[in-house]
Amino acid sequence: MSWQSALAKGLAVTELRFIMCPSGAGSQGLRSFVKEAYSEVKVMNPSLPLLVRESAGAKATILARYPAGKEVSVQVENFDKKYIGTSLGRLLQGYEAIQREGPGWSV
């Protein structure tokens, strides 16, 4: 499921955080994704908190917060925009869906 489809169906998340290095090559895909998609996400869900955090040396990560304070993160270091969009779509499907994903997802 694309992240746009997941957003259109309604949100299972209460907050999204994009964590990246402002200049590192490993964060280039996430920086590009945020630059291109941020406005679209805000138009589709104006009340959803979208936090962009930059820190030197940070690994590119997307973190989703769900109801009841549950959080899931996925590292997207060195990934392209397409894979990042796929990862975001999975995060938007909900906490229960992520628990079935297996390795690579930090629950």
Protein backbone atom coordinates (compact mmCIF):
# COMPACT_ATOMS: atom_id res chain seq x y z
CA MET A 1 0.00 0.00 0.00
CA SER A 2 1.37 3.40 -0.90
CA TRP A 3 1.73 6.02 1.79
CA GLN A 4 -0.78 8.23 -0.07
CA SER A 5 -3.38 5.43 0.04
CA ALA A 6 -2.71 4.83 3.72
CA LEU A 7 -3.20 8.53 4.46
CA ALA A 8 -6.42 8.63 2.45
CA LYS A 9 -7.86 5.67 4.42
CA GLY A 10 -7.40 7.43 7.73
CA LEU A 11 -4.59 7.55 10.20
CA ALA A 12 -3.50 4.94 12.67
CA VAL A 13 -0.67 7.24 13.82
CA THR A 14 -0.73 10.28 16.08
CA GLU A 15 2.69 11.65 15.10
CA LEU A 16 5.41 11.12 12.50
CA ARG A 17 9.08 11.98 12.99
CA PHE A 18 11.71 12.08 10.28
CA ILE A 19 15.21 11.92 11.74
CA MET A 20 18.20 12.54 9.50
CA CYS A 21 21.67 13.97 9.11
CA PRO A 22 21.52 17.39 7.39
CA SER A 23 24.46 16.62 5.11
CA GLY A 24 25.22 12.88 5.27
CA ALA A 25 24.95 10.81 2.11
CA GLY A 26 22.97 8.10 3.92
CA SER A 27 20.17 10.58 4.65
CA GLN A 28 19.91 11.93 1.10
CA GLY A 29 16.89 9.77 0.20
CA LEU A 30 14.97 10.81 3.32
CA ARG A 31 15.86 14.48 2.84
CA SER A 32 14.55 14.30 -0.74
CA PHE A 33 11.40 12.46 0.33
CA VAL A 34 10.60 15.00 3.05
CA LYS A 35 11.29 17.91 0.70
CA GLU A 36 8.88 16.52 -1.90
CA ALA A 37 6.20 14.92 0.30
CA TYR A 38 5.90 17.15 3.38
CA SER A 39 3.39 19.55 1.82
CA GLU A 40 1.24 16.73 0.46
CA VAL A 41 1.09 15.01 3.85
CA LYS A 42 0.14 18.27 5.59
CA VAL A 43 -2.59 19.02 3.05
CA MET A 44 -4.06 15.53 3.50
CA ASN A 45 -3.79 15.63 7.31
CA PRO A 46 -3.31 19.17 8.61
CA SER A 47 -3.62 18.17 12.28
CA LEU A 48 -1.01 15.39 12.13
CA PRO A 49 2.24 16.47 13.83
CA LEU A 50 5.13 16.00 11.38
CA LEU A 51 8.47 16.54 13.05
CA VAL A 52 11.64 16.85 11.02
CA ARG A 53 14.73 16.44 13.16
CA GLU A 54 18.22 16.98 11.81
CA SER A 55 21.34 16.09 13.75
CA ALA A 56 24.90 15.65 12.53
CA GLY A 57 25.67 11.97 12.15
CA ALA A 58 22.07 10.80 12.72
CA LYS A 59 20.93 7.69 10.88
CA ALA A 60 17.96 8.27 8.56
CA THR A 61 14.92 7.02 10.49
CA ILE A 62 11.15 7.35 10.35
CA LEU A 63 9.38 7.06 13.69
CA ALA A 64 5.62 6.72 14.10
CA ARG A 65 3.75 7.21 17.36
CA TYR A 66 0.47 5.36 17.78
CA PRO A 67 -2.36 5.74 20.29
CA ALA A 68 -1.47 4.72 23.86
CA GLY A 69 2.10 5.99 23.32
CA LYS A 70 3.37 3.02 21.31
CA GLU A 71 6.20 3.90 18.93
CA VAL A 72 7.73 2.12 15.96
CA SER A 73 10.77 3.22 14.00
CA VAL A 74 12.37 2.00 10.83
CA GLN A 75 15.86 2.91 9.69
CA VAL A 76 15.96 4.08 6.07
CA GLU A 77 19.67 4.90 5.85
CA ASN A 78 20.92 4.79 2.23
CA PHE A 79 17.45 4.03 0.84
CA ASP A 80 15.84 5.76 -2.12
CA LYS A 81 12.60 7.75 -2.04
CA LYS A 82 10.53 4.84 -3.35
CA TYR A 83 11.56 2.49 -0.54
CA ILE A 84 11.09 5.29 2.00
CA GLY A 85 7.53 5.80 0.70
CA THR A 86 6.88 2.06 1.05
CA SER A 87 8.19 2.10 4.63
CA LEU A 88 6.01 5.09 5.48
CA GLY A 89 2.97 3.34 4.01
CA ARG A 90 3.59 0.36 6.29
CA LEU A 91 3.95 2.60 9.32
CA LEU A 92 0.67 4.32 8.48
CA GLN A 93 -1.19 0.98 8.38
CA GLY A 94 -1.02 0.72 12.14
CA TYR A 95 0.86 -0.73 15.06
CA GLU A 96 -0.62 -4.23 14.69
CA ALA A 97 0.47 -4.43 11.04
CA ILE A 98 4.04 -3.47 11.97
CA GLN A 99 4.29 -6.17 14.62
CA ARG A 100 3.88 -8.73 11.82
CA GLU A 101 6.67 -7.21 9.69
CA GLY A 102 9.58 -8.91 11.43
CA PRO A 103 13.25 -7.78 11.47
CA GLY A 104 14.20 -4.22 10.61
CA TRP A 105 11.34 -2.64 12.54
CA SER A 106 12.01 -1.36 16.02
CA VAL A 107 8.87 -1.76 18.13
